[in-house]
Amino acid sequence: KAIGEKKDLEESKEIGDIDLSQIDPTAKRERVKCSRCEKDVLEEDMASHMTAHSSEILPWLFLGGKRNLENDQELTVRTNITHVLNLANDVNPHQDTVDLVTKYNEER
């Protein structure tokens, strides 16, 4: 570890020491606004980003995976999910997620 830290210190540069003149300012990648969470997402990453959201099956029923279960905003603010039915043996919410959802539901 000490060797890596020493190497970082020796080879690191300050942003002012880097020549940025060759960067094309028009090479900026396109971003789009996600309709679900309103975040700006790189256009080429939108399909992957959408998997972070649960799928609304009915107005009161959502289907999602572990990634959705670990997304606090998705569970509470955006979808108002009050209960989670877990059918997977290997996907159990962390206690802090359980506590957060419980507290959110008690405050509603």
PDB file of N, CA and C in Angstrom:
ATOM      1  N   LYS A   1       0.831  -1.195   0.000  1.00  0.00           N
ATOM      2  CA  LYS A   1       0.000   0.000   0.000  1.00  0.00           C
ATOM      3  C   LYS A   1       0.872   1.254   0.000  1.00  0.00           C
ATOM      4  N   ALA A   2       1.911   1.271   0.794  1.00  0.00           N
ATOM      5  CA  ALA A   2       2.771   2.446   0.889  1.00  0.00           C
ATOM      6  C   ALA A   2       3.441   2.752  -0.448  1.00  0.00           C
ATOM      7  N   ILE A   3       3.786   1.704  -1.204  1.00  0.00           N
ATOM      8  CA  ILE A   3       4.423   1.910  -2.504  1.00  0.00           C
ATOM      9  C   ILE A   3       3.436   2.586  -3.458  1.00  0.00           C
ATOM     10  N   GLY A   4       2.193   2.154  -3.441  1.00  0.00           N
ATOM     11  CA  GLY A   4       1.166   2.759  -4.287  1.00  0.00           C
ATOM     12  C   GLY A   4       0.922   4.216  -3.945  1.00  0.00           C
ATOM     13  N   GLU A   5       0.868   4.526  -2.669  1.00  0.00           N
ATOM     14  CA  GLU A   5       0.653   5.906  -2.242  1.00  0.00           C
ATOM     15  C   GLU A   5       1.831   6.782  -2.662  1.00  0.00           C
ATOM     16  N   LYS A   6       3.044   6.265  -2.526  1.00  0.00           N
ATOM     17  CA  LYS A   6       4.240   7.009  -2.918  1.00  0.00           C
ATOM     18  C   LYS A   6       4.207   7.285  -4.417  1.00  0.00           C
ATOM     19  N   LYS A   7       3.830   6.265  -5.198  1.00  0.00           N
ATOM     20  CA  LYS A   7       3.748   6.405  -6.650  1.00  0.00           C
ATOM     21  C   LYS A   7       2.683   7.441  -7.021  1.00  0.00           C
ATOM     22  N   ASP A   8       1.545   7.421  -6.333  1.00  0.00           N
ATOM     23  CA  ASP A   8       0.503   8.413  -6.586  1.00  0.00           C
ATOM     24  C   ASP A   8       1.025   9.829  -6.356  1.00  0.00           C
ATOM     25  N   LEU A   9       1.725  10.025  -5.262  1.00  0.00           N
ATOM     26  CA  LEU A   9       2.259  11.347  -4.945  1.00  0.00           C
ATOM     27  C   LEU A   9       3.287  11.806  -5.969  1.00  0.00           C
ATOM     28  N   GLU A  10       4.130  10.893  -6.415  1.00  0.00           N
ATOM     29  CA  GLU A  10       5.182  11.238  -7.373  1.00  0.00           C
ATOM     30  C   GLU A  10       4.634  11.520  -8.760  1.00  0.00           C
ATOM     31  N   GLU A  11       3.590  10.799  -9.178  1.00  0.00           N
ATOM     32  CA  GLU A  11       3.109  10.896 -10.545  1.00  0.00           C
ATOM     33  C   GLU A  11       1.829  11.716 -10.717  1.00  0.00           C
ATOM     34  N   SER A  12       1.212  12.121  -9.641  1.00  0.00           N
ATOM     35  CA  SER A  12      -0.025  12.891  -9.763  1.00  0.00           C
ATOM     36  C   SER A  12       0.277  14.296 -10.278  1.00  0.00           C
ATOM     37  N   LYS A  13      -0.700  14.891 -10.933  1.00  0.00           N
ATOM     38  CA  LYS A  13      -0.531  16.223 -11.501  1.00  0.00           C
ATOM     39  C   LYS A  13      -1.662  17.121 -11.033  1.00  0.00           C
ATOM     40  N   GLU A  14      -1.383  18.383 -10.996  1.00  0.00           N
ATOM     41  CA  GLU A  14      -2.410  19.377 -10.712  1.00  0.00           C
ATOM     42  C   GLU A  14      -3.122  19.683 -12.033  1.00  0.00           C
ATOM     43  N   ILE A  15      -4.392  20.026 -11.968  1.00  0.00           N
ATOM     44  CA  ILE A  15      -5.141  20.293 -13.193  1.00  0.00           C
ATOM     45  C   ILE A  15      -4.509  21.421 -13.995  1.00  0.00           C
ATOM     46  N   GLY A  16      -3.891  22.369 -13.325  1.00  0.00           N
ATOM     47  CA  GLY A  16      -3.227  23.474 -14.015  1.00  0.00           C
ATOM     48  C   GLY A  16      -2.007  23.040 -14.810  1.00  0.00           C
ATOM     49  N   ASP A  17      -1.447  21.895 -14.491  1.00  0.00           N
ATOM     50  CA  ASP A  17      -0.267  21.383 -15.191  1.00  0.00           C
ATOM     51  C   ASP A  17      -0.611  20.567 -16.426  1.00  0.00           C
ATOM     52  N   ILE A  18      -1.887  20.374 -16.705  1.00  0.00           N
ATOM     53  CA  ILE A  18      -2.306  19.533 -17.826  1.00  0.00           C
ATOM     54  C   ILE A  18      -2.742  20.415 -18.982  1.00  0.00           C
ATOM     55  N   ASP A  19      -2.255  20.104 -20.184  1.00  0.00           N
ATOM     56  CA  ASP A  19      -2.607  20.853 -21.387  1.00  0.00           C
ATOM     57  C   ASP A  19      -3.967  20.371 -21.890  1.00  0.00           C
ATOM     58  N   LEU A  20      -4.969  21.203 -21.735  1.00  0.00           N
ATOM     59  CA  LEU A  20      -6.329  20.863 -22.171  1.00  0.00           C
ATOM     60  C   LEU A  20      -6.677  21.511 -23.501  1.00  0.00           C
ATOM     61  N   SER A  21      -5.714  22.130 -24.141  1.00  0.00           N
ATOM     62  CA  SER A  21      -5.985  22.883 -25.371  1.00  0.00           C
ATOM     63  C   SER A  21      -6.401  21.989 -26.532  1.00  0.00           C
ATOM     64  N   GLN A  22      -6.086  20.709 -26.488  1.00  0.00           N
ATOM     65  CA  GLN A  22      -6.418  19.808 -27.593  1.00  0.00           C
ATOM     66  C   GLN A  22      -7.816  19.180 -27.464  1.00  0.00           C
ATOM     67  N   ILE A  23      -8.513  19.496 -26.403  1.00  0.00           N
ATOM     68  CA  ILE A  23      -9.851  18.938 -26.206  1.00  0.00           C
ATOM     69  C   ILE A  23     -10.854  19.714 -27.047  1.00  0.00           C
ATOM     70  N   ASP A  24     -11.622  18.996 -27.832  1.00  0.00           N
ATOM     71  CA  ASP A  24     -12.625  19.592 -28.706  1.00  0.00           C
ATOM     72  C   ASP A  24     -13.877  19.909 -27.888  1.00  0.00           C
ATOM     73  N   PRO A  25     -14.206  21.180 -27.725  1.00  0.00           N
ATOM     74  CA  PRO A  25     -15.376  21.533 -26.903  1.00  0.00           C
ATOM     75  C   PRO A  25     -16.697  21.077 -27.521  1.00  0.00           C
ATOM     76  N   THR A  26     -16.698  20.750 -28.816  1.00  0.00           N
ATOM     77  CA  THR A  26     -17.935  20.292 -29.452  1.00  0.00           C
ATOM     78  C   THR A  26     -18.126  18.782 -29.311  1.00  0.00           C
ATOM     79  N   ALA A  27     -17.179  18.119 -28.677  1.00  0.00           N
ATOM     80  CA  ALA A  27     -17.250  16.661 -28.540  1.00  0.00           C
ATOM     81  C   ALA A  27     -18.083  16.235 -27.334  1.00  0.00           C
ATOM     82  N   LYS A  28     -18.846  17.141 -26.820  1.00  0.00           N
ATOM     83  CA  LYS A  28     -19.681  16.859 -25.652  1.00  0.00           C
ATOM     84  C   LYS A  28     -20.729  15.801 -25.997  1.00  0.00           C
ATOM     85  N   ARG A  29     -20.910  14.834 -25.113  1.00  0.00           N
ATOM     86  CA  ARG A  29     -21.881  13.758 -25.348  1.00  0.00           C
ATOM     87  C   ARG A  29     -23.282  14.212 -24.968  1.00  0.00           C
ATOM     88  N   GLU A  30     -24.245  13.736 -25.730  1.00  0.00           N
ATOM     89  CA  GLU A  30     -25.638  14.139 -25.524  1.00  0.00           C
ATOM     90  C   GLU A  30     -26.210  13.543 -24.243  1.00  0.00           C
ATOM     91  N   ARG A  31     -26.963  14.348 -23.533  1.00  0.00           N
ATOM     92  CA  ARG A  31     -27.658  13.913 -22.324  1.00  0.00           C
ATOM     93  C   ARG A  31     -29.154  14.063 -22.543  1.00  0.00           C
ATOM     94  N   VAL A  32     -29.911  13.201 -21.912  1.00  0.00           N
ATOM     95  CA  VAL A  32     -31.369  13.280 -21.964  1.00  0.00           C
ATOM     96  C   VAL A  32     -31.902  13.220 -20.539  1.00  0.00           C
ATOM     97  N   LYS A  33     -33.078  13.778 -20.341  1.00  0.00           N
ATOM     98  CA  LYS A  33     -33.686  13.788 -19.005  1.00  0.00           C
ATOM     99  C   LYS A  33     -34.548  12.546 -18.847  1.00  0.00           C
ATOM    100  N   CYS A  34     -34.310  11.797 -17.785  1.00  0.00           N
ATOM    101  CA  CYS A  34     -35.101  10.605 -17.489  1.00  0.00           C
ATOM    102  C   CYS A  34     -36.505  11.038 -17.069  1.00  0.00           C
ATOM    103  N   SER A  35     -37.503  10.453 -17.688  1.00  0.00           N
ATOM    104  CA  SER A  35     -38.888  10.815 -17.379  1.00  0.00           C
ATOM    105  C   SER A  35     -39.320  10.341 -16.000  1.00  0.00           C
ATOM    106  N   ARG A  36     -38.630   9.354 -15.452  1.00  0.00           N
ATOM    107  CA  ARG A  36     -39.003   8.823 -14.137  1.00  0.00           C
ATOM    108  C   ARG A  36     -38.381   9.609 -12.989  1.00  0.00           C
ATOM    109  N   CYS A  37     -37.063   9.870 -13.074  1.00  0.00           N
ATOM    110  CA  CYS A  37     -36.380  10.505 -11.940  1.00  0.00           C
ATOM    111  C   CYS A  37     -35.902  11.917 -12.262  1.00  0.00           C
ATOM    112  N   GLU A  38     -36.057  12.327 -13.506  1.00  0.00           N
ATOM    113  CA  GLU A  38     -35.692  13.660 -13.968  1.00  0.00           C
ATOM    114  C   GLU A  38     -34.198  13.953 -13.887  1.00  0.00           C
ATOM    115  N   LYS A  39     -33.366  12.915 -13.812  1.00  0.00           N
ATOM    116  CA  LYS A  39     -31.921  13.098 -13.825  1.00  0.00           C
ATOM    117  C   LYS A  39     -31.446  13.204 -15.267  1.00  0.00           C
ATOM    118  N   ASP A  40     -30.385  13.991 -15.492  1.00  0.00           N
ATOM    119  CA  ASP A  40     -29.754  14.039 -16.802  1.00  0.00           C
ATOM    120  C   ASP A  40     -28.844  12.831 -16.931  1.00  0.00           C
ATOM    121  N   VAL A  41     -29.063  12.045 -17.980  1.00  0.00           N
ATOM    122  CA  VAL A  41     -28.341  10.789 -18.190  1.00  0.00           C
ATOM    123  C   VAL A  41     -27.730  10.821 -19.589  1.00  0.00           C
ATOM    124  N   LEU A  42     -26.518  10.278 -19.728  1.00  0.00           N
ATOM    125  CA  LEU A  42     -25.941  10.172 -21.059  1.00  0.00           C
ATOM    126  C   LEU A  42     -26.887   9.365 -21.938  1.00  0.00           C
ATOM    127  N   GLU A  43     -27.116   9.843 -23.159  1.00  0.00           N
ATOM    128  CA  GLU A  43     -28.077   9.207 -24.054  1.00  0.00           C
ATOM    129  C   GLU A  43     -27.789   7.718 -24.248  1.00  0.00           C
ATOM    130  N   GLU A  44     -26.503   7.372 -24.390  1.00  0.00           N
ATOM    131  CA  GLU A  44     -26.167   5.970 -24.626  1.00  0.00           C
ATOM    132  C   GLU A  44     -26.330   5.107 -23.369  1.00  0.00           C
ATOM    133  N   ASP A  45     -26.503   5.731 -22.218  1.00  0.00           N
ATOM    134  CA  ASP A  45     -26.682   4.987 -20.971  1.00  0.00           C
ATOM    135  C   ASP A  45     -28.142   4.893 -20.528  1.00  0.00           C
ATOM    136  N   MET A  46     -29.064   5.472 -21.310  1.00  0.00           N
ATOM    137  CA  MET A  46     -30.456   5.542 -20.874  1.00  0.00           C
ATOM    138  C   MET A  46     -31.085   4.165 -20.667  1.00  0.00           C
ATOM    139  N   ALA A  47     -30.848   3.222 -21.566  1.00  0.00           N
ATOM    140  CA  ALA A  47     -31.451   1.890 -21.410  1.00  0.00           C
ATOM    141  C   ALA A  47     -30.994   1.247 -20.106  1.00  0.00           C
ATOM    142  N   SER A  48     -29.717   1.349 -19.817  1.00  0.00           N
ATOM    143  CA  SER A  48     -29.189   0.797 -18.573  1.00  0.00           C
ATOM    144  C   SER A  48     -29.747   1.555 -17.364  1.00  0.00           C
ATOM    145  N   HIS A  49     -29.837   2.862 -17.488  1.00  0.00           N
ATOM    146  CA  HIS A  49     -30.355   3.690 -16.392  1.00  0.00           C
ATOM    147  C   HIS A  49     -31.792   3.296 -16.038  1.00  0.00           C
ATOM    148  N   MET A  50     -32.593   2.999 -17.042  1.00  0.00           N
ATOM    149  CA  MET A  50     -33.996   2.677 -16.784  1.00  0.00           C
ATOM    150  C   MET A  50     -34.157   1.408 -15.951  1.00  0.00           C
ATOM    151  N   THR A  51     -33.167   0.537 -15.953  1.00  0.00           N
ATOM    152  CA  THR A  51     -33.259  -0.656 -15.109  1.00  0.00           C
ATOM    153  C   THR A  51     -33.130  -0.310 -13.633  1.00  0.00           C
ATOM    154  N   ALA A  52     -32.734   0.920 -13.336  1.00  0.00           N
ATOM    155  CA  ALA A  52     -32.676   1.356 -11.939  1.00  0.00           C
ATOM    156  C   ALA A  52     -34.071   1.647 -11.400  1.00  0.00           C
ATOM    157  N   HIS A  53     -35.038   1.695 -12.288  1.00  0.00           N
ATOM    158  CA  HIS A  53     -36.419   1.976 -11.892  1.00  0.00           C
ATOM    159  C   HIS A  53     -37.238   0.691 -11.933  1.00  0.00           C
ATOM    160  N   SER A  54     -38.164   0.579 -11.008  1.00  0.00           N
ATOM    161  CA  SER A  54     -39.076  -0.555 -11.037  1.00  0.00           C
ATOM    162  C   SER A  54     -40.085  -0.349 -12.170  1.00  0.00           C
ATOM    163  N   SER A  55     -40.711  -1.417 -12.585  1.00  0.00           N
ATOM    164  CA  SER A  55     -41.720  -1.348 -13.647  1.00  0.00           C
ATOM    165  C   SER A  55     -43.108  -1.302 -13.018  1.00  0.00           C
ATOM    166  N   GLU A  56     -43.911  -0.357 -13.441  1.00  0.00           N
ATOM    167  CA  GLU A  56     -45.270  -0.234 -12.906  1.00  0.00           C
ATOM    168  C   GLU A  56     -46.184  -1.188 -13.663  1.00  0.00           C
ATOM    169  N   ILE A  57     -46.641  -2.215 -12.976  1.00  0.00           N
ATOM    170  CA  ILE A  57     -47.539  -3.210 -13.565  1.00  0.00           C
ATOM    171  C   ILE A  57     -48.978  -2.717 -13.493  1.00  0.00           C
ATOM    172  N   LEU A  58     -49.365  -2.253 -12.337  1.00  0.00           N
ATOM    173  CA  LEU A  58     -50.664  -1.620 -12.079  1.00  0.00           C
ATOM    174  C   LEU A  58     -50.385  -0.394 -11.225  1.00  0.00           C
ATOM    175  N   PRO A  59     -51.326   0.522 -11.080  1.00  0.00           N
ATOM    176  CA  PRO A  59     -51.050   1.721 -10.280  1.00  0.00           C
ATOM    177  C   PRO A  59     -50.583   1.419  -8.849  1.00  0.00           C
ATOM    178  N   TRP A  60     -50.878   0.258  -8.353  1.00  0.00           N
ATOM    179  CA  TRP A  60     -50.506  -0.104  -6.985  1.00  0.00           C
ATOM    180  C   TRP A  60     -49.504  -1.253  -6.930  1.00  0.00           C
ATOM    181  N   LEU A  61     -48.996  -1.697  -8.092  1.00  0.00           N
ATOM    182  CA  LEU A  61     -48.118  -2.866  -8.142  1.00  0.00           C
ATOM    183  C   LEU A  61     -46.901  -2.592  -9.015  1.00  0.00           C
ATOM    184  N   PHE A  62     -45.723  -2.750  -8.415  1.00  0.00           N
ATOM    185  CA  PHE A  62     -44.468  -2.536  -9.128  1.00  0.00           C
ATOM    186  C   PHE A  62     -43.655  -3.818  -9.106  1.00  0.00           C
ATOM    187  N   LEU A  63     -42.898  -4.028 -10.179  1.00  0.00           N
ATOM    188  CA  LEU A  63     -42.008  -5.176 -10.272  1.00  0.00           C
ATOM    189  C   LEU A  63     -40.593  -4.660 -10.413  1.00  0.00           C
ATOM    190  N   GLY A  64     -39.700  -5.194  -9.597  1.00  0.00           N
ATOM    191  CA  GLY A  64     -38.319  -4.738  -9.679  1.00  0.00           C
ATOM    192  C   GLY A  64     -37.375  -5.783  -9.135  1.00  0.00           C
ATOM    193  N   GLY A  65     -36.125  -5.445  -9.158  1.00  0.00           N
ATOM    194  CA  GLY A  65     -35.089  -6.348  -8.679  1.00  0.00           C
ATOM    195  C   GLY A  65     -34.343  -5.762  -7.504  1.00  0.00           C
ATOM    196  N   LYS A  66     -33.247  -6.387  -7.181  1.00  0.00           N
ATOM    197  CA  LYS A  66     -32.431  -5.955  -6.042  1.00  0.00           C
ATOM    198  C   LYS A  66     -31.994  -4.511  -6.205  1.00  0.00           C
ATOM    199  N   ARG A  67     -31.644  -4.131  -7.436  1.00  0.00           N
ATOM    200  CA  ARG A  67     -31.199  -2.760  -7.693  1.00  0.00           C
ATOM    201  C   ARG A  67     -32.288  -1.763  -7.297  1.00  0.00           C
ATOM    202  N   ASN A  68     -33.543  -2.101  -7.562  1.00  0.00           N
ATOM    203  CA  ASN A  68     -34.650  -1.222  -7.193  1.00  0.00           C
ATOM    204  C   ASN A  68     -34.851  -1.178  -5.689  1.00  0.00           C
ATOM    205  N   LEU A  69     -34.683  -2.305  -5.050  1.00  0.00           N
ATOM    206  CA  LEU A  69     -34.846  -2.394  -3.604  1.00  0.00           C
ATOM    207  C   LEU A  69     -33.830  -1.532  -2.871  1.00  0.00           C
ATOM    208  N   GLU A  70     -32.666  -1.364  -3.460  1.00  0.00           N
ATOM    209  CA  GLU A  70     -31.599  -0.588  -2.816  1.00  0.00           C
ATOM    210  C   GLU A  70     -31.660   0.888  -3.180  1.00  0.00           C
ATOM    211  N   ASN A  71     -32.664   1.308  -3.951  1.00  0.00           N
ATOM    212  CA  ASN A  71     -32.807   2.696  -4.375  1.00  0.00           C
ATOM    213  C   ASN A  71     -33.859   3.373  -3.487  1.00  0.00           C
ATOM    214  N   ASP A  72     -33.385   4.070  -2.450  1.00  0.00           N
ATOM    215  CA  ASP A  72     -34.285   4.678  -1.462  1.00  0.00           C
ATOM    216  C   ASP A  72     -35.317   5.602  -2.095  1.00  0.00           C
ATOM    217  N   GLN A  73     -34.885   6.451  -3.014  1.00  0.00           N
ATOM    218  CA  GLN A  73     -35.811   7.395  -3.640  1.00  0.00           C
ATOM    219  C   GLN A  73     -36.877   6.670  -4.451  1.00  0.00           C
ATOM    220  N   GLU A  74     -36.481   5.599  -5.114  1.00  0.00           N
ATOM    221  CA  GLU A  74     -37.431   4.820  -5.915  1.00  0.00           C
ATOM    222  C   GLU A  74     -38.484   4.177  -5.007  1.00  0.00           C
ATOM    223  N   LEU A  75     -38.055   3.688  -3.861  1.00  0.00           N
ATOM    224  CA  LEU A  75     -38.985   3.010  -2.954  1.00  0.00           C
ATOM    225  C   LEU A  75     -39.958   3.965  -2.289  1.00  0.00           C
ATOM    226  N   THR A  76     -39.528   5.146  -2.015  1.00  0.00           N
ATOM    227  CA  THR A  76     -40.357   6.033  -1.199  1.00  0.00           C
ATOM    228  C   THR A  76     -40.952   7.180  -2.003  1.00  0.00           C
ATOM    229  N   VAL A  77     -40.160   8.110  -2.392  1.00  0.00           N
ATOM    230  CA  VAL A  77     -40.654   9.357  -2.976  1.00  0.00           C
ATOM    231  C   VAL A  77     -41.346   9.163  -4.318  1.00  0.00           C
ATOM    232  N   ARG A  78     -40.703   8.485  -5.257  1.00  0.00           N
ATOM    233  CA  ARG A  78     -41.253   8.420  -6.614  1.00  0.00           C
ATOM    234  C   ARG A  78     -42.398   7.438  -6.773  1.00  0.00           C
ATOM    235  N   THR A  79     -42.385   6.342  -6.057  1.00  0.00           N
ATOM    236  CA  THR A  79     -43.415   5.320  -6.269  1.00  0.00           C
ATOM    237  C   THR A  79     -44.354   5.151  -5.083  1.00  0.00           C
ATOM    238  N   ASN A  80     -43.991   5.686  -3.940  1.00  0.00           N
ATOM    239  CA  ASN A  80     -44.793   5.538  -2.720  1.00  0.00           C
ATOM    240  C   ASN A  80     -45.021   4.072  -2.366  1.00  0.00           C
ATOM    241  N   ILE A  81     -44.035   3.247  -2.633  1.00  0.00           N
ATOM    242  CA  ILE A  81     -44.141   1.828  -2.290  1.00  0.00           C
ATOM    243  C   ILE A  81     -44.183   1.690  -0.768  1.00  0.00           C
ATOM    244  N   THR A  82     -45.140   0.932  -0.288  1.00  0.00           N
ATOM    245  CA  THR A  82     -45.282   0.762   1.155  1.00  0.00           C
ATOM    246  C   THR A  82     -44.891  -0.630   1.632  1.00  0.00           C
ATOM    247  N   HIS A  83     -44.918  -1.613   0.715  1.00  0.00           N
ATOM    248  CA  HIS A  83     -44.586  -2.985   1.096  1.00  0.00           C
ATOM    249  C   HIS A  83     -43.758  -3.636  -0.006  1.00  0.00           C
ATOM    250  N   VAL A  84     -42.885  -4.546   0.402  1.00  0.00           N
ATOM    251  CA  VAL A  84     -42.053  -5.276  -0.550  1.00  0.00           C
ATOM    252  C   VAL A  84     -42.288  -6.761  -0.338  1.00  0.00           C
ATOM    253  N   LEU A  85     -42.617  -7.449  -1.412  1.00  0.00           N
ATOM    254  CA  LEU A  85     -42.749  -8.906  -1.387  1.00  0.00           C
ATOM    255  C   LEU A  85     -41.507  -9.465  -2.070  1.00  0.00           C
ATOM    256  N   ASN A  86     -40.696 -10.158  -1.310  1.00  0.00           N
ATOM    257  CA  ASN A  86     -39.442 -10.689  -1.832  1.00  0.00           C
ATOM    258  C   ASN A  86     -39.580 -12.192  -2.041  1.00  0.00           C
ATOM    259  N   LEU A  87     -39.406 -12.631  -3.281  1.00  0.00           N
ATOM    260  CA  LEU A  87     -39.503 -14.051  -3.589  1.00  0.00           C
ATOM    261  C   LEU A  87     -38.133 -14.660  -3.879  1.00  0.00           C
ATOM    262  N   ALA A  88     -37.101 -13.883  -3.724  1.00  0.00           N
ATOM    263  CA  ALA A  88     -35.747 -14.365  -4.008  1.00  0.00           C
ATOM    264  C   ALA A  88     -35.012 -14.658  -2.709  1.00  0.00           C
ATOM    265  N   ASN A  89     -34.403 -15.800  -2.641  1.00  0.00           N
ATOM    266  CA  ASN A  89     -33.668 -16.197  -1.450  1.00  0.00           C
ATOM    267  C   ASN A  89     -32.433 -15.338  -1.224  1.00  0.00           C
ATOM    268  N   ASP A  90     -31.793 -14.897  -2.311  1.00  0.00           N
ATOM    269  CA  ASP A  90     -30.523 -14.187  -2.177  1.00  0.00           C
ATOM    270  C   ASP A  90     -30.669 -12.669  -2.174  1.00  0.00           C
ATOM    271  N   VAL A  91     -31.881 -12.138  -2.136  1.00  0.00           N
ATOM    272  CA  VAL A  91     -32.080 -10.693  -2.127  1.00  0.00           C
ATOM    273  C   VAL A  91     -32.841 -10.309  -0.866  1.00  0.00           C
ATOM    274  N   ASN A  92     -32.117  -9.943   0.132  1.00  0.00           N
ATOM    275  CA  ASN A  92     -32.721  -9.483   1.374  1.00  0.00           C
ATOM    276  C   ASN A  92     -32.288  -8.046   1.614  1.00  0.00           C
ATOM    277  N   PRO A  93     -33.228  -7.173   1.928  1.00  0.00           N
ATOM    278  CA  PRO A  93     -32.861  -5.765   2.116  1.00  0.00           C
ATOM    279  C   PRO A  93     -31.963  -5.594   3.343  1.00  0.00           C
ATOM    280  N   HIS A  94     -31.065  -4.624   3.233  1.00  0.00           N
ATOM    281  CA  HIS A  94     -30.239  -4.280   4.378  1.00  0.00           C
ATOM    282  C   HIS A  94     -31.136  -3.675   5.449  1.00  0.00           C
ATOM    283  N   GLN A  95     -30.756  -3.811   6.689  1.00  0.00           N
ATOM    284  CA  GLN A  95     -31.579  -3.316   7.791  1.00  0.00           C
ATOM    285  C   GLN A  95     -31.829  -1.815   7.674  1.00  0.00           C
ATOM    286  N   ASP A  96     -30.831  -1.056   7.187  1.00  0.00           N
ATOM    287  CA  ASP A  96     -31.038   0.389   7.063  1.00  0.00           C
ATOM    288  C   ASP A  96     -32.120   0.710   6.022  1.00  0.00           C
ATOM    289  N   THR A  97     -32.257  -0.122   4.980  1.00  0.00           N
ATOM    290  CA  THR A  97     -33.324   0.064   3.995  1.00  0.00           C
ATOM    291  C   THR A  97     -34.670  -0.241   4.625  1.00  0.00           C
ATOM    292  N   VAL A  98     -34.746  -1.311   5.387  1.00  0.00           N
ATOM    293  CA  VAL A  98     -35.984  -1.670   6.092  1.00  0.00           C
ATOM    294  C   VAL A  98     -36.383  -0.534   7.030  1.00  0.00           C
ATOM    295  N   ASP A  99     -35.422  -0.016   7.782  1.00  0.00           N
ATOM    296  CA  ASP A  99     -35.698   1.077   8.714  1.00  0.00           C
ATOM    297  C   ASP A  99     -36.177   2.326   7.986  1.00  0.00           C
ATOM    298  N   LEU A 100     -35.547   2.658   6.861  1.00  0.00           N
ATOM    299  CA  LEU A 100     -35.914   3.836   6.095  1.00  0.00           C
ATOM    300  C   LEU A 100     -37.345   3.728   5.577  1.00  0.00           C
ATOM    301  N   VAL A 101     -37.696   2.590   4.986  1.00  0.00           N
ATOM    302  CA  VAL A 101     -39.044   2.402   4.438  1.00  0.00           C
ATOM    303  C   VAL A 101     -40.075   2.398   5.562  1.00  0.00           C
ATOM    304  N   THR A 102     -39.764   1.752   6.674  1.00  0.00           N
ATOM    305  CA  THR A 102     -40.668   1.736   7.821  1.00  0.00           C
ATOM    306  C   THR A 102     -40.931   3.145   8.327  1.00  0.00           C
ATOM    307  N   LYS A 103     -39.863   3.941   8.495  1.00  0.00           N
ATOM    308  CA  LYS A 103     -39.993   5.315   8.958  1.00  0.00           C
ATOM    309  C   LYS A 103     -40.800   6.148   7.969  1.00  0.00           C
ATOM    310  N   TYR A 104     -40.514   5.976   6.678  1.00  0.00           N
ATOM    311  CA  TYR A 104     -41.233   6.712   5.636  1.00  0.00           C
ATOM    312  C   TYR A 104     -42.734   6.399   5.713  1.00  0.00           C
ATOM    313  N   ASN A 105     -43.077   5.129   5.859  1.00  0.00           N
ATOM    314  CA  ASN A 105     -44.488   4.741   5.925  1.00  0.00           C
ATOM    315  C   ASN A 105     -45.165   5.245   7.185  1.00  0.00           C
ATOM    316  N   GLU A 106     -44.445   5.289   8.294  1.00  0.00           N
ATOM    317  CA  GLU A 106     -45.023   5.791   9.544  1.00  0.00           C
ATOM    318  C   GLU A 106     -45.310   7.279   9.456  1.00  0.00           C
ATOM    319  N   GLU A 107     -44.500   8.021   8.700  1.00  0.00           N
ATOM    320  CA  GLU A 107     -44.670   9.469   8.582  1.00  0.00           C
ATOM    321  C   GLU A 107     -45.760   9.854   7.595  1.00  0.00           C
ATOM    322  N   ARG A 108     -46.212   8.906   6.793  1.00  0.00           N
ATOM    323  CA  ARG A 108     -47.228   9.220   5.769  1.00  0.00           C
ATOM    324  C   ARG A 108     -48.608   9.322   6.339  1.00  0.00           C
TER     325      ARG A 108
END
